Every structure is written in structure tokens, then in C-alpha cells.
Amino acid sequence: MWPKTITAFLGGLLLSVSMMLSLYLLIPLAIDIKLLIGLLAGFSIWVAAMVYFYSFNNPKTSALRCGKFLLLSVAINSLLFWYQSPL
């Protein structure tokens, strides 16, 4: 039970931070509004990801699913950073 809980906790946290970074780079609003949206949406995504990853029977399946979503989110973040970086 503890490995599944730790996997869901850390995987949900990493996925939430990565998704909020993508959202932060895409929203053309003031910094204070971005931070408020990030706080509210980030916690909601973290809780939803924890519930989703905790629903699997073993931690290996949960980690694989988290890894797939995390790789996708990191790829999107990399593309966003690459397109927004000055030459």
C-alpha cells in the first residue's frame, strides 16, 4: 500500500507542476492572475492525478501511466520553451 501511495503522491505532484508550467507559458495574463490560476488549478490537478494513479492495483502500473503522462507534458514544455526562447 505504501509504494502505491508514494507513487501516486510524487507522480501527481510532478505531473501537476509540469502541467501548470505549460499553462503558465500559454496564458497571456498578468503574473498575479497566472499565480492564482496556477494555485487553484494545480492543486485540483494534483488531487485528480493522485486519485487516478491510486486506482491501479500495483505501483508499477501506476508509475508507468504516470511516466507516460509526464513524458508528454515534458515534451510540450520543451516545445513551448524552445519556441519562446530568444535567438
C-alpha atoms as a PDB file:
ATOM      1  CA  MET A   1       0.000   0.000   0.000  1.00  0.00           C
ATOM      2  CA  TRP A   2       2.794   2.433   0.795  1.00  0.00           C
ATOM      3  CA  PRO A   3       4.576   2.072  -2.571  1.00  0.00           C
ATOM      4  CA  LYS A   4       1.323   2.807  -4.384  1.00  0.00           C
ATOM      5  CA  THR A   5       0.681   5.821  -2.144  1.00  0.00           C
ATOM      6  CA  ILE A   6       4.178   7.228  -2.641  1.00  0.00           C
ATOM      7  CA  THR A   7       3.967   6.681  -6.390  1.00  0.00           C
ATOM      8  CA  ALA A   8       0.599   8.444  -6.584  1.00  0.00           C
ATOM      9  CA  PHE A   9       1.762  11.302  -4.347  1.00  0.00           C
ATOM     10  CA  LEU A  10       5.024  12.039  -6.145  1.00  0.00           C
ATOM     11  CA  GLY A  11       3.693  11.257  -9.617  1.00  0.00           C
ATOM     12  CA  GLY A  12       0.689  13.504  -9.104  1.00  0.00           C
ATOM     13  CA  LEU A  13       2.904  16.284  -7.776  1.00  0.00           C
ATOM     14  CA  LEU A  14       5.333  16.107 -10.706  1.00  0.00           C
ATOM     15  CA  LEU A  15       2.547  15.905 -13.247  1.00  0.00           C
ATOM     16  CA  SER A  16       0.702  18.831 -11.683  1.00  0.00           C
ATOM     17  CA  VAL A  17       3.798  21.036 -11.665  1.00  0.00           C
ATOM     18  CA  SER A  18       4.613  20.135 -15.251  1.00  0.00           C
ATOM     19  CA  MET A  19       1.071  20.819 -16.470  1.00  0.00           C
ATOM     20  CA  MET A  20       0.937  24.129 -14.612  1.00  0.00           C
ATOM     21  CA  LEU A  21       4.207  25.167 -16.244  1.00  0.00           C
ATOM     22  CA  SER A  22       2.637  24.569 -19.661  1.00  0.00           C
ATOM     23  CA  LEU A  23      -0.419  26.539 -18.663  1.00  0.00           C
ATOM     24  CA  TYR A  24       1.775  29.330 -17.274  1.00  0.00           C
ATOM     25  CA  LEU A  25       3.613  29.620 -20.584  1.00  0.00           C
ATOM     26  CA  LEU A  26       0.405  29.672 -22.641  1.00  0.00           C
ATOM     27  CA  ILE A  27      -1.743  32.186 -20.716  1.00  0.00           C
ATOM     28  CA  PRO A  28      -1.138  35.829 -21.717  1.00  0.00           C
ATOM     29  CA  LEU A  29      -2.267  37.394 -18.411  1.00  0.00           C
ATOM     30  CA  ALA A  30      -0.639  39.356 -15.617  1.00  0.00           C
ATOM     31  CA  ILE A  31       1.700  37.466 -13.302  1.00  0.00           C
ATOM     32  CA  ASP A  32      -0.580  37.664 -10.268  1.00  0.00           C
ATOM     33  CA  ILE A  33      -3.516  36.162 -12.161  1.00  0.00           C
ATOM     34  CA  LYS A  34      -1.254  33.397 -13.515  1.00  0.00           C
ATOM     35  CA  LEU A  35      -0.137  32.566  -9.988  1.00  0.00           C
ATOM     36  CA  LEU A  36      -3.713  32.436  -8.695  1.00  0.00           C
ATOM     37  CA  ILE A  37      -4.819  30.195 -11.565  1.00  0.00           C
ATOM     38  CA  GLY A  38      -1.755  28.009 -11.009  1.00  0.00           C
ATOM     39  CA  LEU A  39      -2.501  27.642  -7.314  1.00  0.00           C
ATOM     40  CA  LEU A  40      -6.147  26.725  -7.783  1.00  0.00           C
ATOM     41  CA  ALA A  41      -5.776  24.533 -10.855  1.00  0.00           C
ATOM     42  CA  GLY A  42      -2.516  22.951  -9.726  1.00  0.00           C
ATOM     43  CA  PHE A  43      -3.981  21.618  -6.512  1.00  0.00           C
ATOM     44  CA  SER A  44      -7.048  20.311  -8.342  1.00  0.00           C
ATOM     45  CA  ILE A  45      -4.911  18.539 -10.953  1.00  0.00           C
ATOM     46  CA  TRP A  46      -2.683  17.097  -8.226  1.00  0.00           C
ATOM     47  CA  VAL A  47      -5.658  15.627  -6.362  1.00  0.00           C
ATOM     48  CA  ALA A  48      -7.201  14.256  -9.577  1.00  0.00           C
ATOM     49  CA  ALA A  49      -3.888  12.683 -10.627  1.00  0.00           C
ATOM     50  CA  MET A  50      -3.431  11.108  -7.189  1.00  0.00           C
ATOM     51  CA  VAL A  51      -6.897   9.560  -7.320  1.00  0.00           C
ATOM     52  CA  TYR A  52      -6.306   8.294 -10.867  1.00  0.00           C
ATOM     53  CA  PHE A  53      -2.893   6.782 -10.103  1.00  0.00           C
ATOM     54  CA  TYR A  54      -4.055   5.317  -6.804  1.00  0.00           C
ATOM     55  CA  SER A  55      -6.848   3.437  -8.578  1.00  0.00           C
ATOM     56  CA  PHE A  56      -4.403   0.921 -10.073  1.00  0.00           C
ATOM     57  CA  ASN A  57      -3.730  -2.361  -8.294  1.00  0.00           C
ATOM     58  CA  ASN A  58       0.059  -2.211  -8.222  1.00  0.00           C
ATOM     59  CA  PRO A  59       2.593   0.647  -8.086  1.00  0.00           C
ATOM     60  CA  LYS A  60       4.391  -0.453 -11.270  1.00  0.00           C
ATOM     61  CA  THR A  61       1.305   0.090 -13.433  1.00  0.00           C
ATOM     62  CA  SER A  62       0.698   3.395 -11.698  1.00  0.00           C
ATOM     63  CA  ALA A  63       4.299   4.508 -12.291  1.00  0.00           C
ATOM     64  CA  LEU A  64       4.125   3.539 -15.975  1.00  0.00           C
ATOM     65  CA  ARG A  65       0.934   5.522 -16.512  1.00  0.00           C
ATOM     66  CA  CYS A  66       2.383   8.493 -14.642  1.00  0.00           C
ATOM     67  CA  GLY A  67       5.573   8.270 -16.682  1.00  0.00           C
ATOM     68  CA  LYS A  68       3.651   8.370 -19.961  1.00  0.00           C
ATOM     69  CA  PHE A  69       1.702  11.463 -18.944  1.00  0.00           C
ATOM     70  CA  LEU A  70       4.828  13.090 -17.527  1.00  0.00           C
ATOM     71  CA  LEU A  71       6.843  12.487 -20.706  1.00  0.00           C
ATOM     72  CA  LEU A  72       4.065  14.018 -22.777  1.00  0.00           C
ATOM     73  CA  SER A  73       3.894  17.053 -20.511  1.00  0.00           C
ATOM     74  CA  VAL A  74       7.689  17.474 -20.501  1.00  0.00           C
ATOM     75  CA  ALA A  75       7.723  17.287 -24.320  1.00  0.00           C
ATOM     76  CA  ILE A  76       5.074  20.018 -24.513  1.00  0.00           C
ATOM     77  CA  ASN A  77       7.023  22.156 -22.034  1.00  0.00           C
ATOM     78  CA  SER A  78      10.207  21.692 -24.059  1.00  0.00           C
ATOM     79  CA  LEU A  79       8.466  22.769 -27.242  1.00  0.00           C
ATOM     80  CA  LEU A  80       6.999  25.813 -25.522  1.00  0.00           C
ATOM     81  CA  PHE A  81      10.383  26.818 -24.101  1.00  0.00           C
ATOM     82  CA  TRP A  82      12.030  26.288 -27.467  1.00  0.00           C
ATOM     83  CA  TYR A  83       9.506  28.449 -29.320  1.00  0.00           C
ATOM     84  CA  GLN A  84       9.557  31.227 -26.714  1.00  0.00           C
ATOM     85  CA  SER A  85      13.323  31.468 -26.276  1.00  0.00           C
ATOM     86  CA  PRO A  86      15.030  34.442 -27.943  1.00  0.00           C
ATOM     87  CA  LEU A  87      17.606  33.631 -30.616  1.00  0.00           C
END
